[in-house]
PDB file of all heavy atoms in Angstrom:
ATOM      1  N   LEU A   1     -44.437   6.289 -37.065  1.00  0.00           N
ATOM      2  CA  LEU A   1     -43.256   5.526 -37.449  1.00  0.00           C
ATOM      3  C   LEU A   1     -42.814   6.028 -38.818  1.00  0.00           C
ATOM      4  O   LEU A   1     -43.506   5.820 -39.816  1.00  0.00           O
ATOM      5  CB  LEU A   1     -43.546   4.024 -37.506  1.00  0.00           C
ATOM      6  CG  LEU A   1     -42.351   3.164 -37.933  1.00  0.00           C
ATOM      7  CD1 LEU A   1     -41.230   3.251 -36.896  1.00  0.00           C
ATOM      8  CD2 LEU A   1     -42.768   1.700 -38.132  1.00  0.00           C
ATOM      9  N   GLN A   2     -41.689   6.718 -38.830  1.00  0.00           N
ATOM     10  CA  GLN A   2     -41.101   7.175 -40.091  1.00  0.00           C
ATOM     11  C   GLN A   2     -40.157   6.094 -40.587  1.00  0.00           C
ATOM     12  O   GLN A   2     -39.222   5.709 -39.870  1.00  0.00           O
ATOM     13  CB  GLN A   2     -40.348   8.487 -39.884  1.00  0.00           C
ATOM     14  CG  GLN A   2     -39.670   9.009 -41.144  1.00  0.00           C
ATOM     15  CD  GLN A   2     -40.662   9.421 -42.209  1.00  0.00           C
ATOM     16  OE1 GLN A   2     -41.660  10.077 -41.917  1.00  0.00           O
ATOM     17  NE2 GLN A   2     -40.390   9.050 -43.455  1.00  0.00           N
ATOM     18  N   MET A   3     -40.405   5.622 -41.801  1.00  0.00           N
ATOM     19  CA  MET A   3     -39.599   4.546 -42.375  1.00  0.00           C
ATOM     20  C   MET A   3     -38.939   5.052 -43.648  1.00  0.00           C
ATOM     21  O   MET A   3     -39.624   5.481 -44.583  1.00  0.00           O
ATOM     22  CB  MET A   3     -40.480   3.338 -42.683  1.00  0.00           C
ATOM     23  CG  MET A   3     -41.263   2.825 -41.482  1.00  0.00           C
ATOM     24  SD  MET A   3     -42.162   1.307 -41.825  1.00  0.00           S
ATOM     25  CE  MET A   3     -43.365   1.895 -43.004  1.00  0.00           C
ATOM     26  N   ASN A   4     -37.627   4.997 -43.677  1.00  0.00           N
ATOM     27  CA  ASN A   4     -36.855   5.438 -44.834  1.00  0.00           C
ATOM     28  C   ASN A   4     -36.030   4.285 -45.388  1.00  0.00           C
ATOM     29  O   ASN A   4     -35.767   3.309 -44.690  1.00  0.00           O
ATOM     30  CB  ASN A   4     -35.926   6.592 -44.441  1.00  0.00           C
ATOM     31  CG  ASN A   4     -36.681   7.790 -43.921  1.00  0.00           C
ATOM     32  OD1 ASN A   4     -37.767   8.127 -44.401  1.00  0.00           O
ATOM     33  ND2 ASN A   4     -36.110   8.458 -42.929  1.00  0.00           N
ATOM     34  N   GLY A   5     -35.624   4.419 -46.647  1.00  0.00           N
ATOM     35  CA  GLY A   5     -34.793   3.396 -47.249  1.00  0.00           C
ATOM     36  C   GLY A   5     -35.427   2.023 -47.219  1.00  0.00           C
ATOM     37  O   GLY A   5     -34.768   1.034 -46.916  1.00  0.00           O
ATOM     38  N   LEU A   6     -36.697   1.953 -47.548  1.00  0.00           N
ATOM     39  CA  LEU A   6     -37.433   0.694 -47.413  1.00  0.00           C
ATOM     40  C   LEU A   6     -36.907  -0.378 -48.352  1.00  0.00           C
ATOM     41  O   LEU A   6     -36.557  -0.103 -49.505  1.00  0.00           O
ATOM     42  CB  LEU A   6     -38.919   0.929 -47.630  1.00  0.00           C
ATOM     43  CG  LEU A   6     -39.618   1.610 -46.436  1.00  0.00           C
ATOM     44  CD1 LEU A   6     -40.949   2.189 -46.840  1.00  0.00           C
ATOM     45  CD2 LEU A   6     -39.785   0.623 -45.290  1.00  0.00           C
ATOM     46  N   GLN A   7     -36.865  -1.603 -47.826  1.00  0.00           N
ATOM     47  CA  GLN A   7     -36.368  -2.767 -48.536  1.00  0.00           C
ATOM     48  C   GLN A   7     -37.495  -3.797 -48.658  1.00  0.00           C
ATOM     49  O   GLN A   7     -38.432  -3.781 -47.848  1.00  0.00           O
ATOM     50  CB  GLN A   7     -35.202  -3.375 -47.769  1.00  0.00           C
ATOM     51  CG  GLN A   7     -34.077  -2.404 -47.463  1.00  0.00           C
ATOM     52  CD  GLN A   7     -33.369  -1.942 -48.713  1.00  0.00           C
ATOM     53  OE1 GLN A   7     -33.081  -2.748 -49.606  1.00  0.00           O
ATOM     54  NE2 GLN A   7     -33.093  -0.647 -48.804  1.00  0.00           N
ATOM     55  N   PRO A   8     -37.416  -4.705 -49.625  1.00  0.00           N
ATOM     56  CA  PRO A   8     -38.463  -5.737 -49.746  1.00  0.00           C
ATOM     57  C   PRO A   8     -38.673  -6.519 -48.455  1.00  0.00           C
ATOM     58  O   PRO A   8     -39.809  -6.913 -48.157  1.00  0.00           O
ATOM     59  CB  PRO A   8     -37.928  -6.629 -50.861  1.00  0.00           C
ATOM     60  CG  PRO A   8     -37.119  -5.716 -51.717  1.00  0.00           C
ATOM     61  CD  PRO A   8     -36.466  -4.767 -50.741  1.00  0.00           C
ATOM     62  N   GLU A   9     -37.621  -6.721 -47.676  1.00  0.00           N
ATOM     63  CA  GLU A   9     -37.760  -7.466 -46.421  1.00  0.00           C
ATOM     64  C   GLU A   9     -38.516  -6.685 -45.351  1.00  0.00           C
ATOM     65  O   GLU A   9     -38.823  -7.224 -44.290  1.00  0.00           O
ATOM     66  CB  GLU A   9     -36.389  -7.892 -45.886  1.00  0.00           C
ATOM     67  CG  GLU A   9     -35.390  -6.774 -45.738  1.00  0.00           C
ATOM     68  CD  GLU A   9     -34.487  -6.632 -46.962  1.00  0.00           C
ATOM     69  OE1 GLU A   9     -34.965  -6.882 -48.100  1.00  0.00           O
ATOM     70  OE2 GLU A   9     -33.328  -6.244 -46.771  1.00  0.00           O
ATOM     71  N   ASP A  10     -38.812  -5.419 -45.613  1.00  0.00           N
ATOM     72  CA  ASP A  10     -39.637  -4.636 -44.695  1.00  0.00           C
ATOM     73  C   ASP A  10     -41.123  -4.872 -44.940  1.00  0.00           C
ATOM     74  O   ASP A  10     -41.966  -4.374 -44.179  1.00  0.00           O
ATOM     75  CB  ASP A  10     -39.336  -3.146 -44.837  1.00  0.00           C
ATOM     76  CG  ASP A  10     -37.925  -2.793 -44.431  1.00  0.00           C
ATOM     77  OD1 ASP A  10     -37.436  -3.345 -43.420  1.00  0.00           O
ATOM     78  OD2 ASP A  10     -37.291  -1.965 -45.115  1.00  0.00           O
ATOM     79  N   THR A  11     -41.450  -5.614 -45.978  1.00  0.00           N
ATOM     80  CA  THR A  11     -42.844  -5.930 -46.270  1.00  0.00           C
ATOM     81  C   THR A  11     -43.449  -6.725 -45.119  1.00  0.00           C
ATOM     82  O   THR A  11     -42.924  -7.769 -44.736  1.00  0.00           O
ATOM     83  CB  THR A  11     -42.957  -6.725 -47.575  1.00  0.00           C
ATOM     84  OG1 THR A  11     -42.539  -5.900 -48.663  1.00  0.00           O
ATOM     85  CG2 THR A  11     -44.392  -7.186 -47.815  1.00  0.00           C
ATOM     86  N   ALA A  12     -44.542  -6.208 -44.568  1.00  0.00           N
ATOM     87  CA  ALA A  12     -45.161  -6.831 -43.398  1.00  0.00           C
ATOM     88  C   ALA A  12     -46.416  -6.057 -43.032  1.00  0.00           C
ATOM     89  O   ALA A  12     -46.656  -4.965 -43.556  1.00  0.00           O
ATOM     90  CB  ALA A  12     -44.201  -6.836 -42.210  1.00  0.00           C
ATOM     91  N   VAL A  13     -47.178  -6.625 -42.117  1.00  0.00           N
ATOM     92  CA  VAL A  13     -48.243  -5.874 -41.458  1.00  0.00           C
ATOM     93  C   VAL A  13     -47.620  -5.225 -40.223  1.00  0.00           C
ATOM     94  O   VAL A  13     -46.966  -5.910 -39.428  1.00  0.00           O
ATOM     95  CB  VAL A  13     -49.413  -6.775 -41.063  1.00  0.00           C
ATOM     96  CG1 VAL A  13     -50.464  -5.967 -40.310  1.00  0.00           C
ATOM     97  CG2 VAL A  13     -50.019  -7.438 -42.296  1.00  0.00           C
ATOM     98  N   TYR A  14     -47.819  -3.943 -40.096  1.00  0.00           N
ATOM     99  CA  TYR A  14     -47.244  -3.184 -38.983  1.00  0.00           C
ATOM    100  C   TYR A  14     -48.338  -2.889 -37.961  1.00  0.00           C
ATOM    101  O   TYR A  14     -49.411  -2.381 -38.315  1.00  0.00           O
ATOM    102  CB  TYR A  14     -46.615  -1.899 -39.492  1.00  0.00           C
ATOM    103  CG  TYR A  14     -45.296  -2.139 -40.179  1.00  0.00           C
ATOM    104  CD1 TYR A  14     -45.241  -2.743 -41.431  1.00  0.00           C
ATOM    105  CD2 TYR A  14     -44.096  -1.792 -39.565  1.00  0.00           C
ATOM    106  CE1 TYR A  14     -44.028  -2.988 -42.049  1.00  0.00           C
ATOM    107  CE2 TYR A  14     -42.880  -2.041 -40.179  1.00  0.00           C
ATOM    108  CZ  TYR A  14     -42.851  -2.638 -41.426  1.00  0.00           C
ATOM    109  OH  TYR A  14     -41.650  -2.895 -42.036  1.00  0.00           O
ATOM    110  N   TYR A  15     -48.022  -3.193 -36.704  1.00  0.00           N
ATOM    111  CA  TYR A  15     -48.961  -3.025 -35.608  1.00  0.00           C
ATOM    112  C   TYR A  15     -48.421  -2.027 -34.592  1.00  0.00           C
ATOM    113  O   TYR A  15     -47.232  -2.062 -34.265  1.00  0.00           O
ATOM    114  CB  TYR A  15     -49.184  -4.341 -34.877  1.00  0.00           C
ATOM    115  CG  TYR A  15     -49.755  -5.454 -35.718  1.00  0.00           C
ATOM    116  CD1 TYR A  15     -48.922  -6.329 -36.412  1.00  0.00           C
ATOM    117  CD2 TYR A  15     -51.131  -5.648 -35.799  1.00  0.00           C
ATOM    118  CE1 TYR A  15     -49.438  -7.360 -37.174  1.00  0.00           C
ATOM    119  CE2 TYR A  15     -51.659  -6.681 -36.554  1.00  0.00           C
ATOM    120  CZ  TYR A  15     -50.810  -7.527 -37.246  1.00  0.00           C
ATOM    121  OH  TYR A  15     -51.333  -8.554 -37.993  1.00  0.00           O
ATOM    122  N   CYS A  16     -49.293  -1.182 -34.078  1.00  0.00           N
ATOM    123  CA  CYS A  16     -48.896  -0.404 -32.917  1.00  0.00           C
ATOM    124  C   CYS A  16     -49.476  -1.072 -31.665  1.00  0.00           C
ATOM    125  O   CYS A  16     -50.480  -1.777 -31.741  1.00  0.00           O
ATOM    126  CB  CYS A  16     -49.331   1.050 -33.019  1.00  0.00           C
ATOM    127  SG  CYS A  16     -51.100   1.351 -32.941  1.00  0.00           S
ATOM    128  N   ALA A  17     -48.799  -0.849 -30.562  1.00  0.00           N
ATOM    129  CA  ALA A  17     -49.175  -1.495 -29.314  1.00  0.00           C
ATOM    130  C   ALA A  17     -48.959  -0.530 -28.156  1.00  0.00           C
ATOM    131  O   ALA A  17     -48.096   0.347 -28.216  1.00  0.00           O
ATOM    132  CB  ALA A  17     -48.348  -2.756 -29.099  1.00  0.00           C
ATOM    133  N   ALA A  18     -49.751  -0.718 -27.100  1.00  0.00           N
ATOM    134  CA  ALA A  18     -49.687   0.164 -25.943  1.00  0.00           C
ATOM    135  C   ALA A  18     -49.581  -0.644 -24.665  1.00  0.00           C
ATOM    136  O   ALA A  18     -50.171  -1.722 -24.541  1.00  0.00           O
ATOM    137  CB  ALA A  18     -50.927   1.058 -25.901  1.00  0.00           C
ATOM    138  N   SER A  19     -48.855  -0.061 -23.713  1.00  0.00           N
ATOM    139  CA  SER A  19     -48.682  -0.712 -22.424  1.00  0.00           C
ATOM    140  C   SER A  19     -48.780   0.313 -21.313  1.00  0.00           C
ATOM    141  O   SER A  19     -48.268   1.418 -21.433  1.00  0.00           O
ATOM    142  CB  SER A  19     -47.329  -1.405 -22.349  1.00  0.00           C
ATOM    143  OG  SER A  19     -47.102  -1.925 -21.066  1.00  0.00           O
ATOM    144  N   THR A  20     -49.423  -0.091 -20.212  1.00  0.00           N
ATOM    145  CA  THR A  20     -49.543   0.818 -19.072  1.00  0.00           C
ATOM    146  C   THR A  20     -48.263   0.854 -18.235  1.00  0.00           C
ATOM    147  O   THR A  20     -48.008   1.816 -17.530  1.00  0.00           O
ATOM    148  CB  THR A  20     -50.714   0.420 -18.181  1.00  0.00           C
ATOM    149  OG1 THR A  20     -50.590  -0.969 -17.834  1.00  0.00           O
ATOM    150  CG2 THR A  20     -52.037   0.651 -18.876  1.00  0.00           C
ATOM    151  N   PHE A  21     -47.479  -0.213 -18.316  1.00  0.00           N
ATOM    152  CA  PHE A  21     -46.221  -0.209 -17.571  1.00  0.00           C
ATOM    153  C   PHE A  21     -45.249  -1.209 -18.156  1.00  0.00           C
ATOM    154  O   PHE A  21     -45.608  -2.377 -18.370  1.00  0.00           O
ATOM    155  CB  PHE A  21     -46.443  -0.558 -16.095  1.00  0.00           C
ATOM    156  CG  PHE A  21     -45.156  -0.698 -15.333  1.00  0.00           C
ATOM    157  CD1 PHE A  21     -44.418   0.423 -14.973  1.00  0.00           C
ATOM    158  CD2 PHE A  21     -44.630  -1.951 -15.025  1.00  0.00           C
ATOM    159  CE1 PHE A  21     -43.207   0.303 -14.308  1.00  0.00           C
ATOM    160  CE2 PHE A  21     -43.421  -2.094 -14.355  1.00  0.00           C
ATOM    161  CZ  PHE A  21     -42.714  -0.955 -13.995  1.00  0.00           C
ATOM    162  N   ILE A  22     -44.028  -0.757 -18.404  1.00  0.00           N
ATOM    163  CA  ILE A  22     -42.947  -1.639 -18.841  1.00  0.00           C
ATOM    164  C   ILE A  22     -41.679  -1.228 -18.097  1.00  0.00           C
ATOM    165  O   ILE A  22     -41.349  -0.040 -18.063  1.00  0.00           O
ATOM    166  CB  ILE A  22     -42.694  -1.539 -20.354  1.00  0.00           C
ATOM    167  CG1 ILE A  22     -43.935  -1.945 -21.151  1.00  0.00           C
ATOM    168  CG2 ILE A  22     -41.520  -2.425 -20.756  1.00  0.00           C
ATOM    169  CD1 ILE A  22     -43.755  -1.890 -22.642  1.00  0.00           C
ATOM    170  N   PRO A  23     -40.965  -2.164 -17.517  1.00  0.00           N
ATOM    171  CA  PRO A  23     -39.685  -1.815 -16.870  1.00  0.00           C
ATOM    172  C   PRO A  23     -38.708  -1.232 -17.883  1.00  0.00           C
ATOM    173  O   PRO A  23     -38.761  -1.559 -19.074  1.00  0.00           O
ATOM    174  CB  PRO A  23     -39.181  -3.165 -16.337  1.00  0.00           C
ATOM    175  CG  PRO A  23     -40.396  -4.020 -16.263  1.00  0.00           C
ATOM    176  CD  PRO A  23     -41.283  -3.571 -17.379  1.00  0.00           C
ATOM    177  N   THR A  24     -37.829  -0.385 -17.408  1.00  0.00           N
ATOM    178  CA  THR A  24     -36.840   0.240 -18.294  1.00  0.00           C
ATOM    179  C   THR A  24     -35.914  -0.802 -18.903  1.00  0.00           C
ATOM    180  O   THR A  24     -35.466  -1.720 -18.232  1.00  0.00           O
ATOM    181  CB  THR A  24     -36.015   1.260 -17.495  1.00  0.00           C
ATOM    182  OG1 THR A  24     -36.900   2.256 -16.987  1.00  0.00           O
ATOM    183  CG2 THR A  24     -34.984   1.921 -18.391  1.00  0.00           C
ATOM    184  N   GLY A  25     -35.646  -0.627 -20.194  1.00  0.00           N
ATOM    185  CA  GLY A  25     -34.708  -1.542 -20.831  1.00  0.00           C
ATOM    186  C   GLY A  25     -35.244  -2.090 -22.129  1.00  0.00           C
ATOM    187  O   GLY A  25     -36.433  -2.375 -22.249  1.00  0.00           O
ATOM    188  N   ASN A  26     -34.337  -2.245 -23.105  1.00  0.00           N
ATOM    189  CA  ASN A  26     -34.752  -2.712 -24.419  1.00  0.00           C
ATOM    190  C   ASN A  26     -35.381  -4.098 -24.360  1.00  0.00           C
ATOM    191  O   ASN A  26     -36.319  -4.406 -25.096  1.00  0.00           O
ATOM    192  CB  ASN A  26     -33.542  -2.731 -25.353  1.00  0.00           C
ATOM    193  CG  ASN A  26     -33.933  -2.775 -26.803  1.00  0.00           C
ATOM    194  OD1 ASN A  26     -34.304  -1.767 -27.390  1.00  0.00           O
ATOM    195  ND2 ASN A  26     -33.873  -3.957 -27.402  1.00  0.00           N
ATOM    196  N   PHE A  27     -34.850  -4.933 -23.472  1.00  0.00           N
ATOM    197  CA  PHE A  27     -35.372  -6.302 -23.356  1.00  0.00           C
ATOM    198  C   PHE A  27     -36.861  -6.298 -23.099  1.00  0.00           C
ATOM    199  O   PHE A  27     -37.625  -7.068 -23.691  1.00  0.00           O
ATOM    200  CB  PHE A  27     -34.644  -7.039 -22.233  1.00  0.00           C
ATOM    201  CG  PHE A  27     -35.219  -8.393 -21.941  1.00  0.00           C
ATOM    202  CD1 PHE A  27     -34.873  -9.488 -22.712  1.00  0.00           C
ATOM    203  CD2 PHE A  27     -36.113  -8.580 -20.883  1.00  0.00           C
ATOM    204  CE1 PHE A  27     -35.399 -10.745 -22.448  1.00  0.00           C
ATOM    205  CE2 PHE A  27     -36.641  -9.832 -20.610  1.00  0.00           C
ATOM    206  CZ  PHE A  27     -36.275 -10.913 -21.404  1.00  0.00           C
ATOM    207  N   TYR A  28     -37.309  -5.427 -22.196  1.00  0.00           N
ATOM    208  CA  TYR A  28     -38.719  -5.407 -21.812  1.00  0.00           C
ATOM    209  C   TYR A  28     -39.575  -4.722 -22.868  1.00  0.00           C
ATOM    210  O   TYR A  28     -40.681  -5.172 -23.169  1.00  0.00           O
ATOM    211  CB  TYR A  28     -38.872  -4.704 -20.465  1.00  0.00           C
ATOM    212  CG  TYR A  28     -38.162  -5.421 -19.357  1.00  0.00           C
ATOM    213  CD1 TYR A  28     -36.952  -4.948 -18.854  1.00  0.00           C
ATOM    214  CD2 TYR A  28     -38.676  -6.601 -18.825  1.00  0.00           C
ATOM    215  CE1 TYR A  28     -36.279  -5.614 -17.848  1.00  0.00           C
ATOM    216  CE2 TYR A  28     -38.010  -7.277 -17.818  1.00  0.00           C
ATOM    217  CZ  TYR A  28     -36.816  -6.781 -17.343  1.00  0.00           C
ATOM    218  OH  TYR A  28     -36.149  -7.451 -16.356  1.00  0.00           O
ATOM    219  N   PHE A  29     -39.073  -3.634 -23.434  1.00  0.00           N
ATOM    220  CA  PHE A  29     -39.852  -2.923 -24.446  1.00  0.00           C
ATOM    221  C   PHE A  29     -40.003  -3.747 -25.722  1.00  0.00           C
ATOM    222  O   PHE A  29     -40.945  -3.540 -26.484  1.00  0.00           O
ATOM    223  CB  PHE A  29     -39.216  -1.571 -24.760  1.00  0.00           C
ATOM    224  CG  PHE A  29     -39.653  -0.475 -23.829  1.00  0.00           C
ATOM    225  CD1 PHE A  29     -39.076  -0.349 -22.577  1.00  0.00           C
ATOM    226  CD2 PHE A  29     -40.644   0.420 -24.191  1.00  0.00           C
ATOM    227  CE1 PHE A  29     -39.485   0.644 -21.695  1.00  0.00           C
ATOM    228  CE2 PHE A  29     -41.056   1.433 -23.319  1.00  0.00           C
ATOM    229  CZ  PHE A  29     -40.480   1.540 -22.067  1.00  0.00           C
ATOM    230  N   ALA A  30     -39.095  -4.647 -25.987  1.00  0.00           N
ATOM    231  CA  ALA A  30     -39.140  -5.459 -27.205  1.00  0.00           C
ATOM    232  C   ALA A  30     -40.040  -6.683 -27.083  1.00  0.00           C
ATOM    233  O   ALA A  30     -40.267  -7.374 -28.069  1.00  0.00           O
ATOM    234  CB  ALA A  30     -37.731  -5.910 -27.577  1.00  0.00           C
ATOM    235  N   ALA A  31     -40.544  -6.940 -25.894  1.00  0.00           N
ATOM    236  CA  ALA A  31     -41.336  -8.151 -25.667  1.00  0.00           C
ATOM    237  C   ALA A  31     -42.814  -7.872 -25.894  1.00  0.00           C
ATOM    238  O   ALA A  31     -43.425  -7.076 -25.172  1.00  0.00           O
ATOM    239  CB  ALA A  31     -41.112  -8.655 -24.247  1.00  0.00           C
ATOM    240  N   ALA A  32     -43.405  -8.555 -26.867  1.00  0.00           N
ATOM    241  CA  ALA A  32     -44.802  -8.312 -27.215  1.00  0.00           C
ATOM    242  C   ALA A  32     -45.747  -8.589 -26.049  1.00  0.00           C
ATOM    243  O   ALA A  32     -46.786  -7.939 -25.925  1.00  0.00           O
ATOM    244  CB  ALA A  32     -45.181  -9.166 -28.426  1.00  0.00           C
ATOM    245  N   TYR A  33     -45.389  -9.528 -25.186  1.00  0.00           N
ATOM    246  CA  TYR A  33     -46.291  -9.886 -24.091  1.00  0.00           C
ATOM    247  C   TYR A  33     -46.453  -8.768 -23.065  1.00  0.00           C
ATOM    248  O   TYR A  33     -47.332  -8.817 -22.220  1.00  0.00           O
ATOM    249  CB  TYR A  33     -45.827 -11.178 -23.412  1.00  0.00           C
ATOM    250  CG  TYR A  33     -44.443 -11.137 -22.810  1.00  0.00           C
ATOM    251  CD1 TYR A  33     -44.175 -10.471 -21.619  1.00  0.00           C
ATOM    252  CD2 TYR A  33     -43.383 -11.787 -23.442  1.00  0.00           C
ATOM    253  CE1 TYR A  33     -42.906 -10.438 -21.078  1.00  0.00           C
ATOM    254  CE2 TYR A  33     -42.098 -11.762 -22.901  1.00  0.00           C
ATOM    255  CZ  TYR A  33     -41.867 -11.079 -21.723  1.00  0.00           C
ATOM    256  OH  TYR A  33     -40.597 -11.056 -21.202  1.00  0.00           O
ATOM    257  N   ASN A  34     -45.617  -7.753 -23.125  1.00  0.00           N
ATOM    258  CA  ASN A  34     -45.740  -6.621 -22.200  1.00  0.00           C
ATOM    259  C   ASN A  34     -46.762  -5.581 -22.657  1.00  0.00           C
ATOM    260  O   ASN A  34     -46.997  -4.619 -21.938  1.00  0.00           O
ATOM    261  CB  ASN A  34     -44.390  -5.941 -22.011  1.00  0.00           C
ATOM    262  CG  ASN A  34     -43.504  -6.678 -21.029  1.00  0.00           C
ATOM    263  OD1 ASN A  34     -43.991  -7.254 -20.048  1.00  0.00           O
ATOM    264  ND2 ASN A  34     -42.205  -6.682 -21.272  1.00  0.00           N
ATOM    265  N   TYR A  35     -47.352  -5.759 -23.814  1.00  0.00           N
ATOM    266  CA  TYR A  35     -48.303  -4.784 -24.355  1.00  0.00           C
ATOM    267  C   TYR A  35     -49.721  -5.330 -24.275  1.00  0.00           C
ATOM    268  O   TYR A  35     -50.013  -6.418 -24.782  1.00  0.00           O
ATOM    269  CB  TYR A  35     -47.933  -4.433 -25.795  1.00  0.00           C
ATOM    270  CG  TYR A  35     -46.597  -3.744 -25.879  1.00  0.00           C
ATOM    271  CD1 TYR A  35     -45.419  -4.479 -25.957  1.00  0.00           C
ATOM    272  CD2 TYR A  35     -46.504  -2.358 -25.828  1.00  0.00           C
ATOM    273  CE1 TYR A  35     -44.179  -3.859 -25.993  1.00  0.00           C
ATOM    274  CE2 TYR A  35     -45.266  -1.724 -25.883  1.00  0.00           C
ATOM    275  CZ  TYR A  35     -44.115  -2.482 -25.949  1.00  0.00           C
ATOM    276  OH  TYR A  35     -42.890  -1.857 -25.981  1.00  0.00           O
ATOM    277  N   GLU A  36     -50.593  -4.569 -23.648  1.00  0.00           N
ATOM    278  CA  GLU A  36     -51.960  -5.029 -23.432  1.00  0.00           C
ATOM    279  C   GLU A  36     -52.884  -4.717 -24.599  1.00  0.00           C
ATOM    280  O   GLU A  36     -53.894  -5.398 -24.789  1.00  0.00           O
ATOM    281  CB  GLU A  36     -52.563  -4.366 -22.192  1.00  0.00           C
ATOM    282  CG  GLU A  36     -51.793  -4.602 -20.903  1.00  0.00           C
ATOM    283  CD  GLU A  36     -51.232  -3.306 -20.375  1.00  0.00           C
ATOM    284  OE1 GLU A  36     -50.192  -2.843 -20.919  1.00  0.00           O
ATOM    285  OE2 GLU A  36     -51.827  -2.737 -19.441  1.00  0.00           O
TER     286      GLU A  36
END
């Protein structure tokens, strides 16, 4: 994850996540429950 132009509101713990299958579409990829 390349992060540029960082702002104070970007302060957080960043997690990576993996999934064996997610349907196509931003809605599904954005849902944390789809990552095992």
